[in-house]
Amino acid sequence: MAFLDNIKKIAKDTADKAGDMMEVNKLNSRINTLNNIVNENKLKIGNYYFQQLLIDNNPPSDIADFFAAINTSLEEIASVQAEIQTIKSKEAAAQNAQPAQPAAGIVCSSCGAANPEGSRFCKGCGGKIEAPHGITCGNCGSVNAADTKFCKDCGTPVVAPAPAPVQTSCPSCGAELTPGTKFCASCGTKVGA
């Protein structure tokens, strides 16, 4: 029985210590909160007197160095902010000066909406998108007239795709083929796409 009594005493002591620690933590938290309030009010007092010194422009000699350091920093902040504004203005002017880039993809002939390459229907109006006729520029993707040698948008040389070769005879049996034939009439070999 003494063993169980010992365990009960240890458990009670541990619980008491834990309770005391929680109470100390609560009190420390309250102290931190009050210290924060004190520091915030000190900062407010400092800001008040600093503003008064700015108006008078005659700080006491024992804080004149601090006052000068603050003024120097404020002047530098204003200078850096002006530099940032200049950079932003230049960026805005450069963006406004750039010509609008053509939308990538296929433009719907009905409504003018830009659609991703390979689209068969317009995402703007739902109309069927006809495949563009002509030569597509390998550099910018612009569709050019079939007889074009240089891209109308970027100036890159464009080359018309070579026409697919037309088979006139079967590669297996040598029989003559008519245009558009997919299988040889003599031996049945697949010859067309």
Protein backbone atom coordinates (compact mmCIF):
# COMPACT_ATOMS: atom_id res chain seq x y z
CA MET A 1 0.00 0.00 0.00
CA ALA A 2 2.85 2.34 0.65
CA PHE A 3 3.78 2.01 -3.02
CA LEU A 4 0.35 3.21 -4.19
CA ASP A 5 0.36 6.04 -1.67
CA ASN A 6 3.77 7.09 -3.04
CA ILE A 7 2.40 7.14 -6.60
CA LYS A 8 -0.63 9.22 -5.51
CA LYS A 9 1.66 11.71 -3.74
CA ILE A 10 3.89 12.01 -6.85
CA ALA A 11 0.84 12.52 -9.10
CA LYS A 12 -0.59 15.20 -6.75
CA ASP A 13 2.78 17.01 -6.58
CA THR A 14 3.08 16.91 -10.38
CA ALA A 15 -0.45 18.29 -10.81
CA ASP A 16 0.24 21.06 -8.28
CA LYS A 17 3.49 22.00 -10.07
CA ALA A 18 1.73 22.01 -13.45
CA GLY A 19 -1.01 24.25 -12.04
CA ASP A 20 1.59 26.61 -10.59
CA MET A 21 3.47 26.72 -13.92
CA MET A 22 0.26 27.54 -15.79
CA GLU A 23 -0.48 30.35 -13.35
CA VAL A 24 3.07 31.73 -13.74
CA ASN A 25 2.72 31.57 -17.55
CA LYS A 26 -0.57 33.51 -17.36
CA LEU A 27 1.05 36.16 -15.18
CA ASN A 28 4.08 36.41 -17.51
CA SER A 29 1.71 36.81 -20.45
CA ARG A 30 -0.05 39.65 -18.61
CA ILE A 31 3.33 41.32 -17.92
CA ASN A 32 4.23 41.09 -21.64
CA THR A 33 0.90 42.64 -22.62
CA LEU A 34 1.41 45.52 -20.16
CA ASN A 35 5.01 46.04 -21.38
CA ASN A 36 3.72 46.27 -24.96
CA ILE A 37 1.21 48.93 -23.88
CA VAL A 38 4.00 50.89 -22.14
CA ASN A 39 6.25 50.69 -25.22
CA GLU A 40 3.46 51.74 -27.59
CA ASN A 41 2.72 54.80 -25.41
CA LYS A 42 6.42 55.69 -25.22
CA LEU A 43 6.53 55.56 -29.01
CA LYS A 44 3.47 57.82 -29.19
CA ILE A 45 5.10 60.30 -26.79
CA GLY A 46 8.30 60.21 -28.85
CA ASN A 47 6.39 60.80 -32.08
CA TYR A 48 4.47 63.68 -30.49
CA TYR A 49 7.62 65.45 -29.36
CA PHE A 50 9.38 64.71 -32.63
CA GLN A 51 6.53 66.40 -34.52
CA GLN A 52 6.78 69.38 -32.17
CA LEU A 53 10.53 69.60 -32.81
CA LEU A 54 9.91 69.47 -36.56
CA ILE A 55 7.59 72.44 -36.25
CA ASP A 56 10.01 74.42 -34.04
CA ASN A 57 13.10 73.19 -35.91
CA ASN A 58 15.12 73.78 -32.75
CA PRO A 59 15.88 70.47 -30.99
CA PRO A 60 17.68 70.45 -27.64
CA SER A 61 21.43 69.95 -28.03
CA ASP A 62 21.44 66.55 -26.28
CA ILE A 63 19.18 65.05 -28.99
CA ALA A 64 20.24 67.13 -31.98
CA ASP A 65 22.30 64.25 -33.44
CA PHE A 66 19.29 61.89 -33.26
CA PHE A 67 17.09 64.54 -34.84
CA ALA A 68 19.60 65.09 -37.67
CA ALA A 69 19.89 61.32 -38.31
CA ILE A 70 16.11 61.02 -38.54
CA ASN A 71 15.89 63.98 -40.94
CA THR A 72 18.67 62.56 -43.13
CA SER A 73 16.90 59.19 -43.28
CA LEU A 74 13.56 60.84 -44.11
CA GLU A 75 15.17 62.82 -46.93
CA GLU A 76 16.77 59.65 -48.32
CA ILE A 77 13.43 57.82 -48.12
CA ALA A 78 11.81 60.62 -50.15
CA SER A 79 14.61 60.42 -52.72
CA VAL A 80 14.31 56.65 -53.07
CA GLN A 81 10.52 56.92 -53.41
CA ALA A 82 10.99 59.48 -56.20
CA GLU A 83 13.43 57.12 -57.93
CA ILE A 84 10.90 54.27 -57.70
CA GLN A 85 8.22 56.54 -59.19
CA THR A 86 10.56 57.48 -62.07
CA ILE A 87 11.23 53.80 -62.83
CA LYS A 88 7.51 52.97 -62.74
CA SER A 89 6.73 55.91 -65.04
CA LYS A 90 9.36 54.76 -67.55
CA GLU A 91 7.97 51.20 -67.47
CA ALA A 92 4.43 52.47 -68.02
CA ALA A 93 5.55 54.67 -70.91
CA ALA A 94 7.46 51.78 -72.51
CA GLN A 95 4.44 49.49 -72.23
CA ASN A 96 2.15 52.12 -73.75
CA ALA A 97 4.61 52.69 -76.61
CA GLN A 98 4.81 49.00 -77.60
CA PRO A 99 2.46 47.98 -80.40
CA ALA A 100 -0.17 45.47 -79.48
CA GLN A 101 1.03 41.96 -80.14
CA PRO A 102 -1.23 39.84 -82.29
CA ALA A 103 -3.04 37.16 -80.38
CA ALA A 104 -1.51 33.74 -80.72
CA GLY A 105 -3.66 31.06 -82.29
CA ILE A 106 -6.44 31.20 -84.82
CA VAL A 107 -8.68 34.26 -85.18
CA CYS A 108 -12.36 33.52 -85.80
CA SER A 109 -13.54 35.01 -89.10
CA SER A 110 -17.05 35.50 -87.65
CA CYS A 111 -16.42 37.30 -84.34
CA GLY A 112 -12.65 38.01 -84.29
CA ALA A 113 -11.96 36.06 -81.06
CA ALA A 114 -8.50 34.53 -80.64
CA ASN A 115 -8.61 30.75 -80.29
CA PRO A 116 -5.87 28.24 -79.42
CA GLU A 117 -4.07 26.53 -82.32
CA GLY A 118 -5.91 23.43 -83.46
CA SER A 119 -9.35 24.70 -82.37
CA ARG A 120 -12.18 23.50 -84.56
CA PHE A 121 -14.86 25.72 -83.00
CA CYS A 122 -14.65 29.31 -81.77
CA LYS A 123 -14.62 29.83 -78.02
CA GLY A 124 -16.26 33.24 -78.52
CA CYS A 125 -19.23 32.46 -80.79
CA GLY A 126 -19.15 28.68 -81.21
CA GLY A 127 -18.83 28.93 -84.99
CA LYS A 128 -16.76 26.44 -86.96
CA ILE A 129 -13.20 27.60 -87.50
CA GLU A 130 -11.89 27.03 -90.98
CA ALA A 131 -8.28 25.94 -91.24
CA PRO A 132 -6.23 28.89 -92.46
CA HIS A 133 -5.12 28.67 -96.07
CA GLY A 134 -1.57 29.60 -96.94
CA ILE A 135 1.83 29.16 -95.34
CA THR A 136 2.23 29.30 -91.54
CA CYS A 137 5.39 31.10 -90.37
CA GLY A 138 7.59 28.84 -88.29
CA ASN A 139 8.84 31.81 -86.27
CA CYS A 140 5.68 33.69 -85.21
CA GLY A 141 2.82 31.41 -86.35
CA SER A 142 1.25 33.99 -88.66
CA VAL A 143 -0.59 32.62 -91.70
CA ASN A 144 0.70 34.10 -94.97
CA ALA A 145 -0.56 33.90 -98.55
CA ALA A 146 0.54 30.76 -100.44
CA ASP A 147 2.88 32.69 -102.75
CA THR A 148 4.62 34.57 -99.88
CA LYS A 149 8.39 34.29 -99.52
CA PHE A 150 8.71 36.33 -96.29
CA CYS A 151 6.34 36.49 -93.30
CA LYS A 152 4.09 39.56 -93.35
CA ASP A 153 4.40 39.98 -89.54
CA CYS A 154 8.01 39.18 -88.63
CA GLY A 155 9.91 39.08 -91.97
CA THR A 156 11.22 35.54 -91.52
CA PRO A 157 11.61 33.60 -94.79
CA VAL A 158 8.73 31.16 -95.21
CA VAL A 159 8.79 28.08 -97.35
CA ALA A 160 5.69 26.46 -98.78
CA PRO A 161 5.32 22.84 -97.72
CA ALA A 162 6.29 20.45 -100.45
CA PRO A 163 3.30 18.70 -101.98
CA ALA A 164 2.89 15.10 -100.91
CA PRO A 165 4.32 12.75 -103.51
CA VAL A 166 1.71 11.00 -105.59
CA GLN A 167 2.32 7.31 -106.05
CA THR A 168 1.67 6.18 -109.59
CA SER A 169 2.54 2.51 -109.15
CA CYS A 170 2.22 -0.08 -106.36
CA PRO A 171 5.49 -0.60 -104.43
CA SER A 172 4.71 -4.33 -104.03
CA CYS A 173 3.53 -5.51 -107.45
CA GLY A 174 4.24 -2.49 -109.70
CA ALA A 175 0.62 -2.17 -110.90
CA GLU A 176 -0.45 1.28 -112.09
CA LEU A 177 -2.51 3.25 -109.52
CA THR A 178 -5.18 5.88 -110.08
CA PRO A 179 -4.90 9.11 -108.04
CA GLY A 180 -6.54 8.87 -104.58
CA THR A 181 -6.23 5.08 -104.39
CA LYS A 182 -5.69 3.72 -100.87
CA PHE A 183 -5.14 0.07 -101.72
CA CYS A 184 -3.66 -1.58 -104.81
CA ALA A 185 -6.43 -3.15 -106.92
CA SER A 186 -4.07 -5.96 -108.00
CA CYS A 187 -2.45 -7.13 -104.72
CA GLY A 188 -4.34 -5.27 -101.95
CA THR A 189 -1.24 -3.48 -100.52
CA LYS A 190 -2.05 -0.26 -98.65
CA VAL A 191 -0.63 2.60 -100.74
CA GLY A 192 -2.50 5.75 -99.64
CA ALA A 193 -2.76 7.54 -96.33
